[in-house]
Amino acid sequence: MTMTAPCAHPRFTTTTNDSALTAALDNFGIARLLSYQIAQHVKDGRLVTVLDDYAPPPVPVHLVHREGRHVTQKVRAFFDLAVTTLRADASLN
């Protein structure tokens, strides 16, 4: 005799994270979202995380660009701003 795990049947499916987040905030059920997308709502107590023991390990963010003498000031400014912003975001650290 083979036993199978029970299957959850969704009440609502969507193709956008924004609508999944809105549904979760409106107490419609559980949503699968990335930590940075819900960080403020978890901090405010509007959402709680579940199954934390099964969460995958964090994935580092890398910014890569081609070094050379033709790097524009706009590209350099973008990278400087991106690094500063990403390091300051507590939900990513």
C-alpha atoms as a PDB file:
ATOM      1  CA  MET A   1       0.000   0.000   0.000  1.00  0.00           C
ATOM      2  CA  THR A   2       1.435   3.353  -1.030  1.00  0.00           C
ATOM      3  CA  MET A   3       0.636   6.442   0.999  1.00  0.00           C
ATOM      4  CA  THR A   4       0.710   9.885  -0.515  1.00  0.00           C
ATOM      5  CA  ALA A   5       0.976  13.204   1.225  1.00  0.00           C
ATOM      6  CA  PRO A   6      -2.185  15.288   1.397  1.00  0.00           C
ATOM      7  CA  CYS A   7      -2.380  17.918  -1.302  1.00  0.00           C
ATOM      8  CA  ALA A   8      -3.351  21.512  -0.651  1.00  0.00           C
ATOM      9  CA  HIS A   9      -5.868  22.939  -3.068  1.00  0.00           C
ATOM     10  CA  PRO A  10      -5.506  26.708  -3.577  1.00  0.00           C
ATOM     11  CA  ARG A  11      -8.545  28.948  -3.286  1.00  0.00           C
ATOM     12  CA  PHE A  12      -6.835  31.666  -5.285  1.00  0.00           C
ATOM     13  CA  THR A  13      -4.055  31.641  -7.844  1.00  0.00           C
ATOM     14  CA  THR A  14      -2.308  34.626  -9.340  1.00  0.00           C
ATOM     15  CA  THR A  15       0.596  35.465 -11.575  1.00  0.00           C
ATOM     16  CA  THR A  16       1.739  38.580  -9.727  1.00  0.00           C
ATOM     17  CA  ASN A  17       3.424  39.004  -6.381  1.00  0.00           C
ATOM     18  CA  ASP A  18       1.500  42.206  -5.705  1.00  0.00           C
ATOM     19  CA  SER A  19      -1.870  40.452  -5.810  1.00  0.00           C
ATOM     20  CA  ALA A  20      -0.550  37.559  -3.696  1.00  0.00           C
ATOM     21  CA  LEU A  21       0.711  40.065  -1.121  1.00  0.00           C
ATOM     22  CA  THR A  22      -2.605  41.909  -1.133  1.00  0.00           C
ATOM     23  CA  ALA A  23      -4.490  38.646  -0.621  1.00  0.00           C
ATOM     24  CA  ALA A  24      -2.246  37.686   2.309  1.00  0.00           C
ATOM     25  CA  LEU A  25      -2.651  41.134   3.873  1.00  0.00           C
ATOM     26  CA  ASP A  26      -6.429  40.765   3.510  1.00  0.00           C
ATOM     27  CA  ASN A  27      -6.292  37.459   5.470  1.00  0.00           C
ATOM     28  CA  PHE A  28      -7.153  35.390   2.419  1.00  0.00           C
ATOM     29  CA  GLY A  29      -4.513  32.788   3.201  1.00  0.00           C
ATOM     30  CA  ILE A  30      -0.844  31.943   2.826  1.00  0.00           C
ATOM     31  CA  ALA A  31       1.313  33.431   0.069  1.00  0.00           C
ATOM     32  CA  ARG A  32       4.777  32.428  -1.093  1.00  0.00           C
ATOM     33  CA  LEU A  33       6.814  35.613  -1.438  1.00  0.00           C
ATOM     34  CA  LEU A  34      10.421  36.680  -1.103  1.00  0.00           C
ATOM     35  CA  SER A  35      11.634  38.067   2.207  1.00  0.00           C
ATOM     36  CA  TYR A  36      12.355  41.563   0.896  1.00  0.00           C
ATOM     37  CA  GLN A  37       8.808  41.794  -0.480  1.00  0.00           C
ATOM     38  CA  ILE A  38       7.239  41.249   2.945  1.00  0.00           C
ATOM     39  CA  ALA A  39       9.935  42.617   5.274  1.00  0.00           C
ATOM     40  CA  GLN A  40       8.085  45.796   6.213  1.00  0.00           C
ATOM     41  CA  HIS A  41       4.781  43.953   6.730  1.00  0.00           C
ATOM     42  CA  VAL A  42       6.450  41.370   8.986  1.00  0.00           C
ATOM     43  CA  LYS A  43       8.158  44.163  10.925  1.00  0.00           C
ATOM     44  CA  ASP A  44       4.807  45.951  11.330  1.00  0.00           C
ATOM     45  CA  GLY A  45       3.160  42.716  12.512  1.00  0.00           C
ATOM     46  CA  ARG A  46       0.705  42.585   9.607  1.00  0.00           C
ATOM     47  CA  LEU A  47       2.214  39.319   8.338  1.00  0.00           C
ATOM     48  CA  VAL A  48       4.000  36.405   9.979  1.00  0.00           C
ATOM     49  CA  THR A  49       6.310  33.890   8.370  1.00  0.00           C
ATOM     50  CA  VAL A  50       5.554  30.177   8.447  1.00  0.00           C
ATOM     51  CA  LEU A  51       7.696  27.116   7.791  1.00  0.00           C
ATOM     52  CA  ASP A  52      10.872  29.024   8.678  1.00  0.00           C
ATOM     53  CA  ASP A  53      12.651  25.723   9.326  1.00  0.00           C
ATOM     54  CA  TYR A  54      12.245  24.877   5.638  1.00  0.00           C
ATOM     55  CA  ALA A  55      13.375  28.210   4.200  1.00  0.00           C
ATOM     56  CA  PRO A  56      16.283  27.989   1.773  1.00  0.00           C
ATOM     57  CA  PRO A  57      19.533  29.675   2.767  1.00  0.00           C
ATOM     58  CA  PRO A  58      19.979  33.301   1.706  1.00  0.00           C
ATOM     59  CA  VAL A  59      21.424  33.902  -1.740  1.00  0.00           C
ATOM     60  CA  PRO A  60      24.037  36.652  -2.027  1.00  0.00           C
ATOM     61  CA  VAL A  61      23.482  39.551  -4.400  1.00  0.00           C
ATOM     62  CA  HIS A  62      26.302  40.299  -6.802  1.00  0.00           C
ATOM     63  CA  LEU A  63      26.779  43.374  -8.932  1.00  0.00           C
ATOM     64  CA  VAL A  64      29.031  42.705 -11.887  1.00  0.00           C
ATOM     65  CA  HIS A  65      30.159  44.989 -14.651  1.00  0.00           C
ATOM     66  CA  ARG A  66      32.933  45.039 -17.176  1.00  0.00           C
ATOM     67  CA  GLU A  67      35.909  47.038 -15.959  1.00  0.00           C
ATOM     68  CA  GLY A  68      37.651  49.197 -18.443  1.00  0.00           C
ATOM     69  CA  ARG A  69      38.500  52.690 -19.380  1.00  0.00           C
ATOM     70  CA  HIS A  70      35.100  53.214 -21.031  1.00  0.00           C
ATOM     71  CA  VAL A  71      32.977  52.915 -17.886  1.00  0.00           C
ATOM     72  CA  THR A  72      30.680  55.923 -17.889  1.00  0.00           C
ATOM     73  CA  GLN A  73      30.061  58.063 -14.865  1.00  0.00           C
ATOM     74  CA  LYS A  74      26.397  57.051 -14.992  1.00  0.00           C
ATOM     75  CA  VAL A  75      27.279  53.366 -14.700  1.00  0.00           C
ATOM     76  CA  ARG A  76      29.747  54.029 -11.873  1.00  0.00           C
ATOM     77  CA  ALA A  77      27.174  56.202 -10.064  1.00  0.00           C
ATOM     78  CA  PHE A  78      24.530  53.493 -10.449  1.00  0.00           C
ATOM     79  CA  PHE A  79      26.812  50.833  -8.980  1.00  0.00           C
ATOM     80  CA  ASP A  80      27.809  53.054  -6.078  1.00  0.00           C
ATOM     81  CA  LEU A  81      24.162  53.815  -5.308  1.00  0.00           C
ATOM     82  CA  ALA A  82      23.100  50.170  -5.723  1.00  0.00           C
ATOM     83  CA  VAL A  83      25.804  48.891  -3.371  1.00  0.00           C
ATOM     84  CA  THR A  84      24.966  51.492  -0.733  1.00  0.00           C
ATOM     85  CA  THR A  85      21.219  50.834  -1.017  1.00  0.00           C
ATOM     86  CA  LEU A  86      21.524  47.043  -0.936  1.00  0.00           C
ATOM     87  CA  ARG A  87      23.856  47.071   2.062  1.00  0.00           C
ATOM     88  CA  ALA A  88      21.504  49.397   3.956  1.00  0.00           C
ATOM     89  CA  ASP A  89      18.430  47.204   3.380  1.00  0.00           C
ATOM     90  CA  ALA A  90      18.041  45.091   6.512  1.00  0.00           C
ATOM     91  CA  SER A  91      15.718  42.641   4.761  1.00  0.00           C
ATOM     92  CA  LEU A  92      18.577  41.639   2.478  1.00  0.00           C
ATOM     93  CA  ASN A  93      21.207  41.234   5.196  1.00  0.00           C
END
